[in-house]
Amino acid sequence: MYDLLVAGRIVMPTGILDDGWIAIDGGAIAAIGTGARPQASEIKNFGASLILPGAVDGQTHAGSQIGFAGMSMTSQAAVRGGVTTIVDMPYDHPIPVTNGAVLADKVAAINTHSVCDVALYGTVTASPNLEHVKELISNGVCAFKISAFEAHPERFPRIGNTETLLLLKALEDTGLPLGLHNEDQDLVTKTIARFKKEGRTRPEDHSPSRPPVAELTATATFLELAAATRAHAHIVHISVKAGFDMVAAYRDRGVAATAEMCVHYLLFDAEPDMPRLGGLLKVNPPIRAGETERLWQVLEDGGAAFVSSDHSAWPRENKERDSIFDVAAGMPGLEVMVPAFFTAAAKRMNPDAAASMTARYLCEKPAAFFGLSRKGKLAPGHDADMVVLEPVAMVYQSNANPEGPGWSAYDGKTFSVTPAATFVRGRQVWNGESVADDAGGHGRFVPRG
């Protein structure tokens, strides 16, 4: 007899099983089938709802504002939206994850606070210590991230070309990707200074102040450095199709080059949305005008490694300032990533195809990318991480989450599905209305496999 049996329309890598069931033992998937159901101590029947693998969000910022304690509110937002594993960035407040001791403290915080499972990026100081890099690798980080743009001199520094090349060479035989925040420091800072002098400080001035050429220049420099090594170079967010084309061209040259898509670039357009939403929609690189259709084509052509949220839940006061240049960059996206992506995909294809595309780009591909071998698909032996999408429309309201920041650029958007349940390693942590009271600490650190 199994511990738990979950029934519904099962989204498998090979297609959808109608009248399907998943048998779970010890937090792992033991068997999957259709028709006659085996015995289990507990049965949850979700009828015509879709059951997808729990999403793996490859880019979150849990600790950027309040440190490791941010893992609690971030992970609660995750499971509300069907995300069962987050891959958290290393730029925590006040200390980034640059050595084994800091990593150990962050892992302890995950085991204390998190509702969902967590994989971790590591990073380096402006003068990389390769012994610390080895510590991070041996203790399970799944990737490294650096930036071509300095957001903070210690917590989020710019890493120079010489140091970037040193790190790429150090990662050559590890299989770990090195991710880049891809904006050219000189172009951006001088353009912003000129805009301020001219009084161009409105929300619609944000995108032209950080023009695509700044993004593409940083991307090209990084990929050219990677071409001199055998390392895996990854761009963590690209806002224009030309950037994905550039990555593909380097890949055709034999460079291990990849790039990810952020869900907000697929859902928003700077021309109507920045004047409407203002600082709430400020992200870096910026939302662009007229790019969404081209970016969807990138996905349909298989040109992105996966889709992420780049979740960053700033207090609302940090997003409402007179000058767009005084507004914090980043926005929450964990709660909406799965239903928003599915809804947008279902406008382009039939719902079953949209479900398969959602599972591919939000579950299977990021799990494989980060070496999380038990995550990302519904298959025997994998962790029983699942999200149930009920085919009922929902109007998103961020204030329904008492642990959230109380705002979202997605507020008022209608999604065609509702996350009705989320399971992390076989335990239901979200029931469509609330996160389980005692779920904090259920989450675990997931090292790269």
Protein backbone atom coordinates (compact mmCIF):
# COMPACT_ATOMS: atom_id res chain seq x y z
CA MET A 1 0.00 0.00 0.00
CA TYR A 2 1.33 3.41 -0.99
CA ASP A 3 1.47 6.44 1.31
CA LEU A 4 -0.45 8.73 -1.06
CA LEU A 5 -2.20 8.54 -4.40
CA VAL A 6 -2.90 11.71 -6.40
CA ALA A 7 -5.30 11.53 -9.36
CA GLY A 8 -6.04 13.90 -12.24
CA ARG A 9 -4.75 14.71 -15.71
CA ILE A 10 -1.04 13.95 -15.41
CA VAL A 11 1.37 16.08 -17.49
CA MET A 12 4.18 13.71 -18.47
CA PRO A 13 7.23 14.47 -20.66
CA THR A 14 5.59 12.35 -23.39
CA GLY A 15 2.10 13.82 -23.13
CA ILE A 16 -0.93 14.00 -20.85
CA LEU A 17 -2.45 10.98 -19.11
CA ASP A 18 -6.20 11.39 -18.75
CA ASP A 19 -7.70 9.61 -15.73
CA GLY A 20 -4.16 9.30 -14.43
CA TRP A 21 -2.73 8.64 -11.00
CA ILE A 22 0.58 9.05 -9.21
CA ALA A 23 1.51 6.72 -6.34
CA ILE A 24 3.86 8.17 -3.73
CA ASP A 25 6.00 6.49 -1.08
CA GLY A 26 8.49 8.15 1.24
CA GLY A 27 8.17 11.48 -0.54
CA ALA A 28 9.11 10.03 -3.94
CA ILE A 29 7.07 8.94 -6.96
CA ALA A 30 6.75 5.16 -6.87
CA ALA A 31 4.48 4.54 -9.88
CA ILE A 32 2.35 6.36 -12.46
CA GLY A 33 -0.57 4.93 -14.39
CA THR A 34 -4.11 5.28 -15.70
CA GLY A 35 -7.39 3.55 -15.00
CA ALA A 36 -7.58 1.20 -12.01
CA ARG A 37 -5.89 2.76 -9.02
CA PRO A 38 -3.68 0.96 -6.52
CA GLN A 39 -4.39 1.15 -2.81
CA ALA A 40 -2.99 4.01 -0.76
CA SER A 41 -3.33 5.28 2.78
CA GLU A 42 -4.55 8.62 1.43
CA ILE A 43 -6.14 9.47 -1.93
CA LYS A 44 -6.52 12.96 -3.39
CA ASN A 45 -8.61 13.12 -6.55
CA PHE A 46 -8.33 16.36 -8.51
CA GLY A 47 -10.67 15.30 -11.31
CA ALA A 48 -10.14 17.23 -14.55
CA SER A 49 -7.37 19.41 -13.11
CA LEU A 50 -3.88 19.25 -14.59
CA ILE A 51 -1.12 17.82 -12.42
CA LEU A 52 2.29 19.15 -13.47
CA PRO A 53 5.73 18.68 -11.96
CA GLY A 54 6.44 21.30 -9.34
CA ALA A 55 8.09 24.24 -11.07
CA VAL A 56 11.80 24.94 -10.62
CA ASP A 57 12.35 28.70 -10.61
CA GLY A 58 15.92 29.24 -11.77
CA GLN A 59 16.24 32.82 -10.53
CA THR A 60 15.02 34.22 -7.20
CA HIS A 61 16.37 36.80 -4.75
CA ALA A 62 15.17 35.67 -1.32
CA GLY A 63 17.76 37.43 0.81
CA SER A 64 18.39 40.69 -1.02
CA GLN A 65 16.42 42.86 1.40
CA ILE A 66 16.21 41.18 4.82
CA GLY A 67 18.89 38.51 4.63
CA PHE A 68 18.39 34.79 5.04
CA ALA A 69 15.08 35.27 6.90
CA GLY A 70 13.67 36.23 3.50
CA MET A 71 13.66 32.52 2.70
CA SER A 72 10.39 32.21 4.64
CA MET A 73 8.28 34.74 2.71
CA THR A 74 9.90 33.82 -0.61
CA SER A 75 9.24 30.11 -0.25
CA GLN A 76 5.65 30.75 0.80
CA ALA A 77 5.15 32.81 -2.35
CA ALA A 78 6.69 29.96 -4.32
CA VAL A 79 4.33 27.21 -3.18
CA ARG A 80 1.30 29.47 -3.58
CA GLY A 81 2.18 29.56 -7.27
CA GLY A 82 3.15 25.91 -7.73
CA VAL A 83 6.92 26.40 -7.49
CA THR A 84 8.47 23.60 -5.42
CA THR A 85 12.17 24.38 -5.90
CA ILE A 86 13.78 27.80 -6.09
CA VAL A 87 17.33 28.47 -7.26
CA ASP A 88 18.37 31.42 -5.15
CA MET A 89 20.85 34.07 -6.18
CA PRO A 90 23.91 34.74 -3.99
CA TYR A 91 23.56 38.51 -3.48
CA ASP A 92 22.14 38.40 0.01
CA HIS A 93 22.00 41.30 2.46
CA PRO A 94 24.48 42.10 3.86
CA ILE A 95 26.90 39.32 2.85
CA PRO A 96 26.96 37.55 -0.53
CA VAL A 97 27.61 33.81 -0.78
CA THR A 98 31.33 33.88 -1.60
CA ASN A 99 32.73 31.09 0.59
CA GLY A 100 31.85 27.83 2.31
CA ALA A 101 31.11 29.38 5.70
CA VAL A 102 28.48 31.78 4.32
CA LEU A 103 27.00 28.95 2.25
CA ALA A 104 26.66 26.79 5.38
CA ASP A 105 24.79 29.60 7.16
CA LYS A 106 22.42 29.95 4.21
CA VAL A 107 21.79 26.20 4.11
CA ALA A 108 20.94 26.29 7.83
CA ALA A 109 18.46 29.10 7.14
CA ILE A 110 16.83 27.06 4.37
CA ASN A 111 16.37 24.11 6.71
CA THR A 112 14.85 26.42 9.34
CA HIS A 113 12.62 28.71 7.27
CA SER A 114 11.85 27.36 3.80
CA VAL A 115 8.61 25.71 2.75
CA CYS A 116 9.99 24.59 -0.62
CA ASP A 117 13.31 23.04 -1.63
CA VAL A 118 16.19 25.36 -2.54
CA ALA A 119 19.25 25.11 -4.76
CA LEU A 120 21.90 27.82 -4.56
CA TYR A 121 24.11 29.98 -6.71
CA GLY A 122 27.53 31.06 -5.44
CA THR A 123 29.48 34.16 -6.40
CA VAL A 124 32.91 35.75 -6.01
CA THR A 125 34.37 39.02 -4.75
CA ALA A 126 35.86 41.55 -7.15
CA SER A 127 39.19 39.72 -6.58
CA PRO A 128 38.14 36.05 -6.81
CA ASN A 129 39.57 33.56 -4.31
CA LEU A 130 39.76 30.24 -6.15
CA GLU A 131 40.00 28.28 -2.89
CA HIS A 132 36.64 29.74 -1.91
CA VAL A 133 35.30 28.78 -5.34
CA LYS A 134 36.37 25.18 -4.66
CA GLU A 135 34.65 25.30 -1.25
CA LEU A 136 31.38 26.38 -2.82
CA ILE A 137 31.56 23.69 -5.48
CA SER A 138 32.36 20.91 -3.02
CA ASN A 139 29.46 22.01 -0.81
CA GLY A 140 26.87 21.81 -3.57
CA VAL A 141 26.25 25.13 -5.33
CA CYS A 142 24.59 24.50 -8.68
CA ALA A 143 26.02 27.53 -10.55
CA PHE A 144 27.93 30.79 -10.13
CA LYS A 145 26.79 34.28 -10.97
CA ILE A 146 28.70 37.51 -11.60
CA SER A 147 27.74 40.91 -12.94
CA ALA A 148 29.11 43.25 -15.59
CA PHE A 149 27.34 46.08 -13.73
CA GLU A 150 27.98 47.16 -10.14
CA ALA A 151 24.80 47.47 -8.09
CA HIS A 152 26.74 47.50 -4.80
CA PRO A 153 30.53 47.58 -4.30
CA GLU A 154 30.59 44.55 -1.98
CA ARG A 155 27.26 42.76 -2.18
CA PHE A 156 26.82 43.04 -5.97
CA PRO A 157 30.15 44.18 -7.50
CA ARG A 158 31.22 44.41 -11.11
CA ILE A 159 33.63 41.61 -11.98
CA GLY A 160 36.27 42.72 -14.50
CA ASN A 161 37.21 40.87 -17.67
CA THR A 162 40.49 39.52 -16.26
CA GLU A 163 38.72 38.13 -13.19
CA THR A 164 35.88 36.77 -15.31
CA LEU A 165 38.32 34.86 -17.49
CA LEU A 166 40.06 33.49 -14.38
CA LEU A 167 36.73 32.22 -13.03
CA LEU A 168 35.68 30.74 -16.37
CA LYS A 169 38.93 28.76 -16.50
CA ALA A 170 38.44 27.58 -12.93
CA LEU A 171 34.99 26.21 -13.85
CA GLU A 172 36.07 24.48 -17.09
CA ASP A 173 35.90 20.88 -15.87
CA THR A 174 33.15 21.27 -13.26
CA GLY A 175 30.07 21.36 -15.47
CA LEU A 176 28.77 24.35 -13.50
CA PRO A 177 27.44 27.31 -15.50
CA LEU A 178 28.72 30.83 -14.87
CA GLY A 179 25.79 33.23 -15.12
CA LEU A 180 26.11 36.90 -16.00
CA HIS A 181 24.04 39.99 -15.27
CA ASN A 182 24.61 41.49 -18.70
CA GLU A 183 24.67 45.30 -18.74
CA ASP A 184 27.66 47.43 -19.72
CA GLN A 185 28.65 49.66 -16.78
CA ASP A 186 30.05 52.56 -18.80
CA LEU A 187 27.15 52.80 -21.25
CA VAL A 188 24.47 52.60 -18.56
CA THR A 189 25.94 54.98 -16.00
CA LYS A 190 26.77 57.69 -18.53
CA THR A 191 23.39 57.41 -20.26
CA ILE A 192 21.56 57.69 -16.94
CA ALA A 193 23.66 60.74 -15.98
CA ARG A 194 22.72 62.40 -19.26
CA PHE A 195 19.02 61.56 -18.80
CA LYS A 196 19.03 63.04 -15.30
CA LYS A 197 20.66 66.22 -16.57
CA GLU A 198 17.96 66.49 -19.24
CA GLY A 199 15.16 65.88 -16.73
CA ARG A 200 14.19 62.58 -18.34
CA THR A 201 13.25 60.70 -15.17
CA ARG A 202 9.81 59.25 -15.99
CA PRO A 203 9.04 55.51 -15.98
CA GLU A 204 9.08 55.45 -19.79
CA ASP A 205 12.68 56.76 -19.67
CA HIS A 206 13.92 53.61 -17.93
CA SER A 207 14.29 51.36 -20.98
CA PRO A 208 16.10 53.91 -23.21
CA SER A 209 18.42 54.77 -20.30
CA ARG A 210 19.63 51.16 -20.36
CA PRO A 211 19.43 50.56 -24.13
CA PRO A 212 19.66 47.13 -25.78
CA VAL A 213 23.19 47.94 -26.98
CA ALA A 214 24.34 48.01 -23.33
CA GLU A 215 22.86 44.56 -22.83
CA LEU A 216 24.27 43.19 -26.08
CA THR A 217 27.75 44.64 -25.55
CA ALA A 218 28.07 42.99 -22.13
CA THR A 219 26.73 39.73 -23.54
CA ALA A 220 29.18 39.71 -26.45
CA THR A 221 32.19 40.47 -24.22
CA PHE A 222 31.28 37.67 -21.82
CA LEU A 223 30.71 35.14 -24.59
CA GLU A 224 33.99 36.06 -26.25
CA LEU A 225 35.80 35.44 -22.96
CA ALA A 226 34.01 32.11 -22.66
CA ALA A 227 35.09 31.21 -26.21
CA ALA A 228 38.70 31.19 -24.94
CA THR A 229 37.79 28.45 -22.42
CA ARG A 230 35.77 25.24 -22.17
CA ALA A 231 33.44 26.72 -19.54
CA HIS A 232 29.65 27.02 -19.70
CA ALA A 233 28.65 30.68 -20.09
CA HIS A 234 25.06 31.56 -19.24
CA ILE A 235 23.15 34.85 -19.59
CA VAL A 236 20.64 35.05 -16.75
CA HIS A 237 18.22 37.40 -18.50
CA ILE A 238 17.87 38.69 -22.04
CA SER A 239 15.16 41.19 -22.95
CA VAL A 240 15.52 41.27 -26.76
CA LYS A 241 15.53 38.56 -29.42
CA ALA A 242 18.87 39.84 -30.77
CA GLY A 243 20.48 38.67 -27.53
CA PHE A 244 19.22 35.13 -27.97
CA ASP A 245 20.39 35.22 -31.59
CA MET A 246 23.85 36.20 -30.37
CA VAL A 247 23.97 33.34 -27.89
CA ALA A 248 22.89 30.91 -30.62
CA ALA A 249 25.66 32.19 -32.91
CA TYR A 250 28.29 31.50 -30.24
CA ARG A 251 26.77 28.09 -29.62
CA ASP A 252 27.11 27.37 -33.34
CA ARG A 253 30.82 28.22 -32.96
CA GLY A 254 31.13 25.48 -30.34
CA VAL A 255 30.94 27.67 -27.25
CA ALA A 256 28.94 26.26 -24.32
CA ALA A 257 26.56 29.23 -24.31
CA THR A 258 23.00 29.44 -22.99
CA ALA A 259 20.49 32.12 -22.02
CA GLU A 260 17.28 32.19 -20.01
CA MET A 261 14.01 34.02 -20.45
CA CYS A 262 12.26 35.85 -17.62
CA VAL A 263 8.48 35.56 -17.59
CA HIS A 264 7.88 39.32 -17.33
CA TYR A 265 9.54 39.91 -20.72
CA LEU A 266 6.86 37.65 -22.23
CA LEU A 267 3.91 39.35 -20.50
CA PHE A 268 4.60 43.09 -20.52
CA ASP A 269 5.40 45.74 -23.14
CA ALA A 270 7.16 48.96 -22.13
CA GLU A 271 5.08 51.22 -24.37
CA PRO A 272 1.67 50.72 -22.74
CA ASP A 273 2.77 49.21 -19.42
CA MET A 274 5.54 51.46 -18.05
CA PRO A 275 3.37 54.64 -18.07
CA ARG A 276 0.56 52.59 -16.48
CA LEU A 277 2.55 50.74 -13.83
CA GLY A 278 5.53 53.03 -13.32
CA GLY A 279 8.21 51.85 -10.92
CA LEU A 280 6.31 48.65 -10.12
CA LEU A 281 7.50 47.34 -13.50
CA LYS A 282 11.12 48.45 -13.21
CA VAL A 283 13.52 45.54 -13.78
CA ASN A 284 17.04 45.33 -15.16
CA PRO A 285 17.55 44.76 -18.03
CA PRO A 286 14.33 46.69 -18.70
CA ILE A 287 11.02 45.61 -20.17
CA ARG A 288 11.23 46.57 -23.87
CA ALA A 289 8.66 47.86 -26.34
CA GLY A 290 7.50 45.61 -29.16
CA GLU A 291 9.53 42.51 -28.18
CA THR A 292 7.02 40.07 -26.70
CA GLU A 293 6.04 38.33 -29.94
CA ARG A 294 9.68 37.89 -30.96
CA LEU A 295 10.54 36.48 -27.52
CA TRP A 296 7.71 33.96 -27.68
CA GLN A 297 9.11 32.89 -31.03
CA VAL A 298 12.46 32.27 -29.32
CA LEU A 299 10.72 29.84 -26.96
CA GLU A 300 8.77 28.13 -29.72
CA ASP A 301 12.04 27.65 -31.62
CA GLY A 302 13.76 26.16 -28.55
CA GLY A 303 16.15 29.10 -28.18
CA ALA A 304 16.01 29.60 -24.39
CA ALA A 305 17.46 27.38 -21.70
CA PHE A 306 14.39 27.81 -19.47
CA VAL A 307 12.00 30.48 -18.10
CA SER A 308 12.46 32.06 -14.65
CA SER A 309 10.78 34.72 -12.50
CA ASP A 310 13.74 36.84 -11.24
CA HIS A 311 11.57 37.31 -8.14
CA SER A 312 12.53 40.21 -5.87
CA ALA A 313 9.90 41.40 -3.39
CA TRP A 314 10.89 44.95 -2.50
CA PRO A 315 8.74 46.93 -0.03
CA ARG A 316 6.29 49.09 -1.96
CA GLU A 317 7.92 52.34 -0.82
CA ASN A 318 11.08 51.29 -2.68
CA LYS A 319 9.07 51.15 -5.92
CA GLU A 320 7.27 54.50 -5.69
CA ARG A 321 9.70 57.39 -6.07
CA ASP A 322 9.50 60.65 -8.03
CA SER A 323 12.42 59.65 -10.31
CA ILE A 324 12.50 56.25 -11.98
CA PHE A 325 16.24 56.22 -11.27
CA ASP A 326 15.56 56.23 -7.52
CA VAL A 327 13.27 53.18 -7.77
CA ALA A 328 14.60 49.74 -6.80
CA ALA A 329 14.90 47.30 -9.71
CA GLY A 330 13.10 43.98 -9.48
CA MET A 331 9.60 42.71 -8.81
CA PRO A 332 7.82 39.70 -7.29
CA GLY A 333 6.92 36.93 -9.72
CA LEU A 334 6.93 33.57 -7.93
CA GLU A 335 3.20 33.40 -7.22
CA VAL A 336 2.24 34.12 -10.81
CA MET A 337 4.98 32.52 -12.92
CA VAL A 338 3.20 29.21 -13.55
CA PRO A 339 -0.40 30.44 -14.10
CA ALA A 340 0.77 33.51 -16.05
CA PHE A 341 3.01 31.51 -18.38
CA PHE A 342 0.36 28.82 -18.90
CA THR A 343 -2.32 31.44 -19.64
CA ALA A 344 -0.16 33.27 -22.18
CA ALA A 345 0.90 30.01 -23.84
CA ALA A 346 -2.73 28.83 -24.04
CA LYS A 347 -3.56 31.91 -26.11
CA ARG A 348 -1.06 30.67 -28.70
CA MET A 349 -1.88 26.95 -28.69
CA ASN A 350 -4.38 24.47 -27.28
CA PRO A 351 -4.44 24.07 -23.48
CA ASP A 352 -2.82 20.62 -23.47
CA ALA A 353 0.07 21.91 -25.58
CA ALA A 354 0.36 24.89 -23.24
CA ALA A 355 0.55 22.50 -20.27
CA SER A 356 3.34 20.54 -21.94
CA MET A 357 5.23 23.76 -22.78
CA THR A 358 4.84 24.94 -19.19
CA ALA A 359 6.21 21.67 -17.85
CA ARG A 360 9.12 21.79 -20.29
CA TYR A 361 10.29 25.39 -19.73
CA LEU A 362 9.37 25.85 -16.04
CA CYS A 363 10.09 22.36 -14.71
CA GLU A 364 12.09 19.91 -16.78
CA LYS A 365 14.58 22.27 -18.46
CA PRO A 366 15.65 24.24 -15.34
CA ALA A 367 16.00 21.05 -13.29
CA ALA A 368 18.29 19.55 -15.91
CA PHE A 369 20.21 22.81 -16.31
CA PHE A 370 21.08 23.03 -12.61
CA GLY A 371 21.79 19.32 -12.16
CA LEU A 372 18.77 18.67 -9.92
CA SER A 373 18.32 15.07 -10.97
CA ARG A 374 15.27 14.28 -8.80
CA LYS A 375 13.34 17.40 -9.79
CA GLY A 376 11.44 18.71 -12.79
CA LYS A 377 9.43 15.77 -14.09
CA LEU A 378 6.80 13.29 -13.02
CA ALA A 379 8.60 9.94 -13.19
CA PRO A 380 9.24 7.03 -10.81
CA GLY A 381 12.22 7.76 -8.58
CA HIS A 382 11.79 11.52 -8.76
CA ASP A 383 10.72 13.62 -5.79
CA ALA A 384 6.94 13.90 -5.52
CA ASP A 385 6.92 17.63 -6.30
CA MET A 386 3.62 18.58 -7.96
CA VAL A 387 1.35 21.50 -8.73
CA VAL A 388 -2.36 21.08 -9.44
CA LEU A 389 -3.75 23.59 -11.92
CA GLU A 390 -7.52 23.78 -11.71
CA PRO A 391 -9.18 24.91 -14.97
CA VAL A 392 -10.89 27.83 -13.23
CA ALA A 393 -10.07 31.46 -14.01
CA MET A 394 -8.55 33.59 -11.27
CA VAL A 395 -8.05 37.34 -10.99
CA TYR A 396 -4.70 37.78 -9.29
CA GLN A 397 -4.54 39.97 -6.18
CA SER A 398 -1.20 40.12 -4.40
CA ASN A 399 -2.71 41.27 -1.11
CA ALA A 400 -4.24 37.82 -0.68
CA ASN A 401 -0.80 36.68 0.48
CA PRO A 402 -0.32 37.99 4.05
CA GLU A 403 3.42 37.26 3.87
CA GLY A 404 3.98 39.10 0.58
CA PRO A 405 4.96 42.71 -0.11
CA GLY A 406 1.35 43.68 -0.90
CA TRP A 407 1.93 44.79 -4.48
CA SER A 408 2.56 43.27 -7.89
CA ALA A 409 2.70 44.43 -11.49
CA TYR A 410 0.41 41.45 -12.17
CA ASP A 411 -2.40 42.69 -9.89
CA GLY A 412 -5.76 42.52 -11.68
CA LYS A 413 -4.57 40.17 -14.43
CA THR A 414 -6.86 37.22 -15.15
CA PHE A 415 -5.25 33.79 -15.44
CA SER A 416 -7.04 30.84 -17.01
CA VAL A 417 -5.94 28.37 -14.31
CA THR A 418 -5.67 28.45 -10.54
CA PRO A 419 -2.92 26.71 -8.50
CA ALA A 420 -5.21 24.56 -6.33
CA ALA A 421 -2.57 22.47 -4.55
CA THR A 422 1.20 22.21 -4.25
CA PHE A 423 3.13 19.19 -2.99
CA VAL A 424 6.80 19.22 -1.97
CA ARG A 425 8.27 15.73 -1.69
CA GLY A 426 4.81 14.25 -1.23
CA ARG A 427 3.60 16.69 1.39
CA GLN A 428 0.78 19.09 0.51
CA VAL A 429 2.00 22.52 1.57
CA TRP A 430 -0.61 24.64 -0.31
CA ASN A 431 -4.33 23.84 -0.51
CA GLY A 432 -5.50 26.69 -2.73
CA GLU A 433 -6.28 28.93 0.22
CA SER A 434 -3.37 28.82 2.66
CA VAL A 435 0.13 27.49 3.24
CA ALA A 436 0.26 24.72 5.84
CA ASP A 437 0.89 26.27 9.26
CA ASP A 438 3.78 23.98 10.12
CA ALA A 439 5.38 23.85 6.64
CA GLY A 440 8.23 26.24 7.46
CA GLY A 441 11.38 24.16 7.61
CA HIS A 442 9.97 21.40 5.40
CA GLY A 443 12.14 22.69 2.56
CA ARG A 444 15.64 21.35 2.09
CA PHE A 445 18.84 22.46 0.39
CA VAL A 446 19.28 20.59 -2.89
CA PRO A 447 22.93 20.28 -3.97
CA ARG A 448 23.86 19.91 -7.62
CA GLY A 449 23.82 16.25 -8.58
